[in-house]
Amino acid sequence: MSVWDLVAVVVTVCVIITMAILLLLLTRLVSVLRDLRSVANQLAEDVLPAVDNLKETVDHADIELERLHGVIGAAEGISQNLRSVGRKSARVTSAPLIKAKAAAAGLKSAMTRIKRG
């Protein structure tokens, strides 16, 4: 047996061992990919209904938000009307109230002068 024959045998054995290791790794990788596909399918089955429920919830919240926007708009209108009524009522009642107080003060002053004689 020559040196080249020995080298050929060693290289062949190394290639066979390397191929066997690669084959084992490939089978393990295929197994992991199958598990991953199974988990991905299960995740899709579980997540899609949850996403549908979430979409329904968001749509419902959007409708409620629109209603709330309407209520807030109505409350702002009522608040502005109340402020306007308050200002107008203050304007309407302030002048007669001042006149009534002045008349009462004048009447009181007149009564005290009459009593003094």
N, C-alpha and C. Protein backbone atom coordinates (compact mmCIF):
# COMPACT_ATOMS: atom_id res chain seq x y z
N MET A 1 0.84 -1.15 0.00
CA MET A 1 0.00 0.00 0.00
C MET A 1 0.90 1.24 0.00
N SER A 2 0.58 2.15 -0.91
CA SER A 2 1.42 3.34 -1.04
C SER A 2 0.83 4.46 -0.19
N VAL A 3 1.60 5.52 -0.15
CA VAL A 3 1.19 6.69 0.63
C VAL A 3 -0.08 7.28 0.05
N TRP A 4 -0.17 7.29 -1.26
CA TRP A 4 -1.36 7.86 -1.91
C TRP A 4 -2.59 7.02 -1.62
N ASP A 5 -2.43 5.76 -1.52
CA ASP A 5 -3.55 4.89 -1.18
C ASP A 5 -4.01 5.18 0.26
N LEU A 6 -3.06 5.36 1.14
CA LEU A 6 -3.36 5.66 2.54
C LEU A 6 -4.07 7.01 2.64
N VAL A 7 -3.59 8.00 1.92
CA VAL A 7 -4.21 9.33 1.92
C VAL A 7 -5.63 9.22 1.38
N ALA A 8 -5.84 8.45 0.33
CA ALA A 8 -7.15 8.27 -0.26
C ALA A 8 -8.10 7.61 0.73
N VAL A 9 -7.62 6.63 1.48
CA VAL A 9 -8.45 5.95 2.48
C VAL A 9 -8.81 6.92 3.60
N VAL A 10 -7.84 7.69 4.10
CA VAL A 10 -8.09 8.65 5.19
C VAL A 10 -9.07 9.72 4.74
N VAL A 11 -8.86 10.23 3.53
CA VAL A 11 -9.76 11.27 3.01
C VAL A 11 -11.16 10.70 2.83
N THR A 12 -11.27 9.49 2.34
CA THR A 12 -12.58 8.86 2.14
C THR A 12 -13.28 8.66 3.48
N VAL A 13 -12.55 8.20 4.48
CA VAL A 13 -13.14 8.00 5.81
C VAL A 13 -13.59 9.34 6.38
N CYS A 14 -12.77 10.39 6.24
CA CYS A 14 -13.15 11.73 6.74
C CYS A 14 -14.39 12.26 6.01
N VAL A 15 -14.46 12.04 4.71
CA VAL A 15 -15.62 12.50 3.95
C VAL A 15 -16.86 11.73 4.39
N ILE A 16 -16.72 10.41 4.61
CA ILE A 16 -17.87 9.61 5.04
C ILE A 16 -18.35 10.07 6.42
N ILE A 17 -17.42 10.33 7.33
CA ILE A 17 -17.78 10.80 8.68
C ILE A 17 -18.45 12.18 8.58
N THR A 18 -17.88 13.06 7.78
CA THR A 18 -18.45 14.40 7.60
C THR A 18 -19.85 14.32 7.00
N MET A 19 -20.02 13.46 6.00
CA MET A 19 -21.34 13.31 5.38
C MET A 19 -22.34 12.75 6.38
N ALA A 20 -21.90 11.81 7.23
CA ALA A 20 -22.80 11.24 8.24
C ALA A 20 -23.23 12.32 9.23
N ILE A 21 -22.29 13.15 9.65
CA ILE A 21 -22.61 14.25 10.59
C ILE A 21 -23.56 15.23 9.93
N LEU A 22 -23.27 15.58 8.69
CA LEU A 22 -24.15 16.51 7.97
C LEU A 22 -25.55 15.92 7.78
N LEU A 23 -25.62 14.62 7.52
CA LEU A 23 -26.91 13.97 7.37
C LEU A 23 -27.70 14.00 8.67
N LEU A 24 -27.00 13.77 9.81
CA LEU A 24 -27.67 13.85 11.11
C LEU A 24 -28.16 15.27 11.39
N LEU A 25 -27.32 16.24 11.09
CA LEU A 25 -27.72 17.64 11.29
C LEU A 25 -28.90 18.01 10.40
N LEU A 26 -28.89 17.53 9.18
CA LEU A 26 -29.99 17.81 8.26
C LEU A 26 -31.29 17.20 8.73
N THR A 27 -31.23 15.97 9.24
CA THR A 27 -32.46 15.34 9.74
C THR A 27 -32.98 16.09 10.97
N ARG A 28 -32.07 16.54 11.82
CA ARG A 28 -32.48 17.32 13.00
C ARG A 28 -33.09 18.66 12.57
N LEU A 29 -32.51 19.28 11.57
CA LEU A 29 -33.02 20.54 11.06
C LEU A 29 -34.41 20.37 10.45
N VAL A 30 -34.61 19.28 9.73
CA VAL A 30 -35.93 19.00 9.16
C VAL A 30 -36.94 18.80 10.27
N SER A 31 -36.54 18.10 11.33
CA SER A 31 -37.43 17.88 12.47
C SER A 31 -37.80 19.21 13.14
N VAL A 32 -36.83 20.07 13.33
CA VAL A 32 -37.08 21.38 13.94
C VAL A 32 -38.00 22.22 13.05
N LEU A 33 -37.79 22.17 11.75
CA LEU A 33 -38.64 22.93 10.83
C LEU A 33 -40.08 22.42 10.85
N ARG A 34 -40.26 21.08 10.97
CA ARG A 34 -41.61 20.52 11.08
C ARG A 34 -42.29 21.02 12.36
N ASP A 35 -41.53 21.00 13.48
CA ASP A 35 -42.08 21.51 14.73
C ASP A 35 -42.44 22.99 14.61
N LEU A 36 -41.58 23.73 13.96
CA LEU A 36 -41.83 25.16 13.77
C LEU A 36 -43.08 25.39 12.93
N ARG A 37 -43.26 24.61 11.88
CA ARG A 37 -44.45 24.73 11.05
C ARG A 37 -45.70 24.40 11.86
N SER A 38 -45.62 23.37 12.70
CA SER A 38 -46.76 22.99 13.54
C SER A 38 -47.11 24.11 14.51
N VAL A 39 -46.10 24.68 15.13
CA VAL A 39 -46.34 25.78 16.08
C VAL A 39 -46.89 27.01 15.35
N ALA A 40 -46.38 27.28 14.15
CA ALA A 40 -46.87 28.43 13.38
C ALA A 40 -48.33 28.22 12.99
N ASN A 41 -48.71 27.01 12.61
CA ASN A 41 -50.11 26.74 12.28
C ASN A 41 -51.00 26.89 13.50
N GLN A 42 -50.55 26.39 14.63
CA GLN A 42 -51.33 26.51 15.85
C GLN A 42 -51.45 27.98 16.26
N LEU A 43 -50.38 28.73 16.12
CA LEU A 43 -50.41 30.15 16.44
C LEU A 43 -51.41 30.88 15.53
N ALA A 44 -51.41 30.53 14.26
CA ALA A 44 -52.36 31.16 13.33
C ALA A 44 -53.79 30.82 13.72
N GLU A 45 -54.04 29.58 14.14
CA GLU A 45 -55.38 29.19 14.55
C GLU A 45 -55.82 29.93 15.80
N ASP A 46 -54.89 30.19 16.72
CA ASP A 46 -55.23 30.86 17.97
C ASP A 46 -55.29 32.38 17.81
N VAL A 47 -54.43 32.93 16.98
CA VAL A 47 -54.30 34.39 16.90
C VAL A 47 -55.37 35.00 16.00
N LEU A 48 -55.71 34.35 14.91
CA LEU A 48 -56.67 34.96 13.97
C LEU A 48 -58.02 35.26 14.62
N PRO A 49 -58.61 34.36 15.43
CA PRO A 49 -59.86 34.75 16.11
C PRO A 49 -59.64 35.91 17.09
N ALA A 50 -58.50 35.93 17.75
CA ALA A 50 -58.23 37.03 18.68
C ALA A 50 -58.11 38.35 17.92
N VAL A 51 -57.50 38.32 16.76
CA VAL A 51 -57.39 39.54 15.95
C VAL A 51 -58.78 39.98 15.48
N ASP A 52 -59.62 39.02 15.10
CA ASP A 52 -60.99 39.38 14.71
C ASP A 52 -61.74 40.02 15.87
N ASN A 53 -61.60 39.44 17.06
CA ASN A 53 -62.25 40.02 18.25
C ASN A 53 -61.70 41.41 18.54
N LEU A 54 -60.41 41.57 18.38
CA LEU A 54 -59.80 42.88 18.61
C LEU A 54 -60.33 43.91 17.62
N LYS A 55 -60.51 43.49 16.37
CA LYS A 55 -61.06 44.41 15.36
C LYS A 55 -62.47 44.82 15.72
N GLU A 56 -63.29 43.85 16.17
CA GLU A 56 -64.65 44.18 16.60
C GLU A 56 -64.64 45.15 17.77
N THR A 57 -63.73 44.92 18.71
CA THR A 57 -63.63 45.79 19.87
C THR A 57 -63.22 47.21 19.47
N VAL A 58 -62.27 47.30 18.56
CA VAL A 58 -61.83 48.62 18.09
C VAL A 58 -62.95 49.33 17.35
N ASP A 59 -63.70 48.60 16.53
CA ASP A 59 -64.83 49.20 15.83
C ASP A 59 -65.89 49.70 16.82
N HIS A 60 -66.17 48.89 17.84
CA HIS A 60 -67.14 49.29 18.86
C HIS A 60 -66.64 50.52 19.62
N ALA A 61 -65.36 50.53 19.96
CA ALA A 61 -64.79 51.69 20.66
C ALA A 61 -64.85 52.94 19.78
N ASP A 62 -64.66 52.77 18.49
CA ASP A 62 -64.73 53.91 17.57
C ASP A 62 -66.15 54.48 17.56
N ILE A 63 -67.15 53.60 17.53
CA ILE A 63 -68.55 54.06 17.56
C ILE A 63 -68.84 54.79 18.86
N GLU A 64 -68.38 54.23 19.98
CA GLU A 64 -68.59 54.87 21.28
C GLU A 64 -67.87 56.21 21.35
N LEU A 65 -66.70 56.30 20.76
CA LEU A 65 -65.96 57.56 20.73
C LEU A 65 -66.72 58.62 19.95
N GLU A 66 -67.32 58.22 18.84
CA GLU A 66 -68.13 59.17 18.06
C GLU A 66 -69.33 59.65 18.88
N ARG A 67 -69.96 58.72 19.59
CA ARG A 67 -71.08 59.13 20.46
C ARG A 67 -70.62 60.07 21.55
N LEU A 68 -69.49 59.75 22.15
CA LEU A 68 -68.95 60.61 23.20
C LEU A 68 -68.60 61.99 22.65
N HIS A 69 -68.09 62.02 21.42
CA HIS A 69 -67.77 63.30 20.79
C HIS A 69 -69.04 64.14 20.65
N GLY A 70 -70.15 63.49 20.27
CA GLY A 70 -71.42 64.19 20.16
C GLY A 70 -71.90 64.71 21.51
N VAL A 71 -71.74 63.88 22.55
CA VAL A 71 -72.17 64.29 23.90
C VAL A 71 -71.33 65.47 24.38
N ILE A 72 -70.03 65.42 24.12
CA ILE A 72 -69.15 66.51 24.54
C ILE A 72 -69.51 67.79 23.79
N GLY A 73 -69.81 67.66 22.49
CA GLY A 73 -70.22 68.83 21.73
C GLY A 73 -71.50 69.44 22.28
N ALA A 74 -72.46 68.58 22.63
CA ALA A 74 -73.71 69.08 23.21
C ALA A 74 -73.46 69.74 24.57
N ALA A 75 -72.58 69.16 25.37
CA ALA A 75 -72.27 69.74 26.68
C ALA A 75 -71.58 71.09 26.52
N GLU A 76 -70.71 71.22 25.53
CA GLU A 76 -70.06 72.51 25.28
C GLU A 76 -71.09 73.55 24.87
N GLY A 77 -72.05 73.14 24.03
CA GLY A 77 -73.11 74.07 23.62
C GLY A 77 -73.94 74.52 24.81
N ILE A 78 -74.30 73.58 25.67
CA ILE A 78 -75.09 73.91 26.87
C ILE A 78 -74.29 74.84 27.77
N SER A 79 -73.00 74.55 27.94
CA SER A 79 -72.16 75.39 28.78
C SER A 79 -72.09 76.82 28.24
N GLN A 80 -71.94 76.97 26.93
CA GLN A 80 -71.90 78.31 26.34
C GLN A 80 -73.24 79.02 26.52
N ASN A 81 -74.34 78.27 26.36
CA ASN A 81 -75.66 78.88 26.56
C ASN A 81 -75.84 79.33 28.00
N LEU A 82 -75.39 78.51 28.96
CA LEU A 82 -75.52 78.88 30.37
C LEU A 82 -74.70 80.11 30.69
N ARG A 83 -73.47 80.20 30.13
CA ARG A 83 -72.65 81.39 30.35
C ARG A 83 -73.34 82.63 29.78
N SER A 84 -73.90 82.47 28.59
CA SER A 84 -74.58 83.59 27.95
C SER A 84 -75.79 84.02 28.78
N VAL A 85 -76.57 83.04 29.26
CA VAL A 85 -77.73 83.37 30.09
C VAL A 85 -77.28 84.04 31.37
N GLY A 86 -76.20 83.56 31.97
CA GLY A 86 -75.69 84.17 33.20
C GLY A 86 -75.28 85.62 32.99
N ARG A 87 -74.58 85.88 31.89
CA ARG A 87 -74.15 87.26 31.61
C ARG A 87 -75.37 88.16 31.36
N LYS A 88 -76.31 87.65 30.57
CA LYS A 88 -77.50 88.46 30.26
C LYS A 88 -78.34 88.71 31.50
N SER A 89 -78.50 87.69 32.34
CA SER A 89 -79.29 87.88 33.55
C SER A 89 -78.59 88.84 34.52
N ALA A 90 -77.27 88.80 34.55
CA ALA A 90 -76.53 89.75 35.41
C ALA A 90 -76.73 91.16 34.90
N ARG A 91 -76.69 91.33 33.57
CA ARG A 91 -76.90 92.66 32.99
C ARG A 91 -78.33 93.16 33.24
N VAL A 92 -79.29 92.26 33.09
CA VAL A 92 -80.69 92.66 33.23
C VAL A 92 -81.02 92.98 34.68
N THR A 93 -80.51 92.20 35.62
CA THR A 93 -80.87 92.40 37.03
C THR A 93 -79.97 93.39 37.75
N SER A 94 -78.81 93.68 37.25
CA SER A 94 -77.89 94.55 38.00
C SER A 94 -78.40 95.97 38.08
N ALA A 95 -78.88 96.53 36.99
CA ALA A 95 -79.34 97.93 37.02
C ALA A 95 -80.55 98.09 37.94
N PRO A 96 -81.60 97.28 37.83
CA PRO A 96 -82.73 97.45 38.76
C PRO A 96 -82.34 97.15 40.21
N LEU A 97 -81.44 96.23 40.40
CA LEU A 97 -81.00 95.90 41.76
C LEU A 97 -80.27 97.08 42.38
N ILE A 98 -79.42 97.72 41.59
CA ILE A 98 -78.70 98.90 42.10
C ILE A 98 -79.70 100.01 42.41
N LYS A 99 -80.68 100.20 41.55
CA LYS A 99 -81.68 101.24 41.78
C LYS A 99 -82.51 100.91 43.02
N ALA A 100 -82.83 99.63 43.18
CA ALA A 100 -83.62 99.24 44.36
C ALA A 100 -82.82 99.46 45.63
N LYS A 101 -81.54 99.16 45.63
CA LYS A 101 -80.70 99.39 46.81
C LYS A 101 -80.58 100.88 47.09
N ALA A 102 -80.43 101.65 46.02
CA ALA A 102 -80.34 103.10 46.21
C ALA A 102 -81.64 103.66 46.77
N ALA A 103 -82.77 103.17 46.25
CA ALA A 103 -84.06 103.62 46.75
C ALA A 103 -84.25 103.22 48.21
N ALA A 104 -83.83 101.99 48.56
CA ALA A 104 -83.94 101.54 49.94
C ALA A 104 -83.07 102.38 50.85
N ALA A 105 -81.86 102.70 50.38
CA ALA A 105 -80.97 103.54 51.19
C ALA A 105 -81.57 104.93 51.35
N GLY A 106 -82.13 105.47 50.27
CA GLY A 106 -82.76 106.79 50.36
C GLY A 106 -83.96 106.77 51.28
N LEU A 107 -84.78 105.74 51.21
CA LEU A 107 -85.94 105.60 52.07
C LEU A 107 -85.52 105.48 53.52
N LYS A 108 -84.46 104.73 53.78
CA LYS A 108 -83.95 104.57 55.15
C LYS A 108 -83.45 105.90 55.67
N SER A 109 -82.73 106.61 54.82
CA SER A 109 -82.22 107.93 55.20
C SER A 109 -83.39 108.87 55.50
N ALA A 110 -84.42 108.82 54.67
CA ALA A 110 -85.59 109.68 54.88
C ALA A 110 -86.30 109.33 56.17
N MET A 111 -86.40 108.05 56.47
CA MET A 111 -87.07 107.60 57.71
C MET A 111 -86.30 108.06 58.95
N THR A 112 -84.98 108.00 58.87
CA THR A 112 -84.19 108.45 60.03
C THR A 112 -84.32 109.96 60.20
N ARG A 113 -84.43 110.73 59.15
CA ARG A 113 -84.60 112.18 59.26
C ARG A 113 -85.97 112.53 59.81
N ILE A 114 -86.96 111.76 59.40
CA ILE A 114 -88.31 112.01 59.90
C ILE A 114 -88.39 111.71 61.39
N LYS A 115 -87.72 110.67 61.83
CA LYS A 115 -87.73 110.28 63.24
C LYS A 115 -87.02 111.33 64.09
N ARG A 116 -85.98 111.93 63.54
CA ARG A 116 -85.25 112.93 64.31
C ARG A 116 -86.05 114.21 64.42
N GLY A 117 -86.84 114.41 63.47
CA GLY A 117 -87.76 115.48 63.62
C GLY A 117 -87.57 116.68 62.83
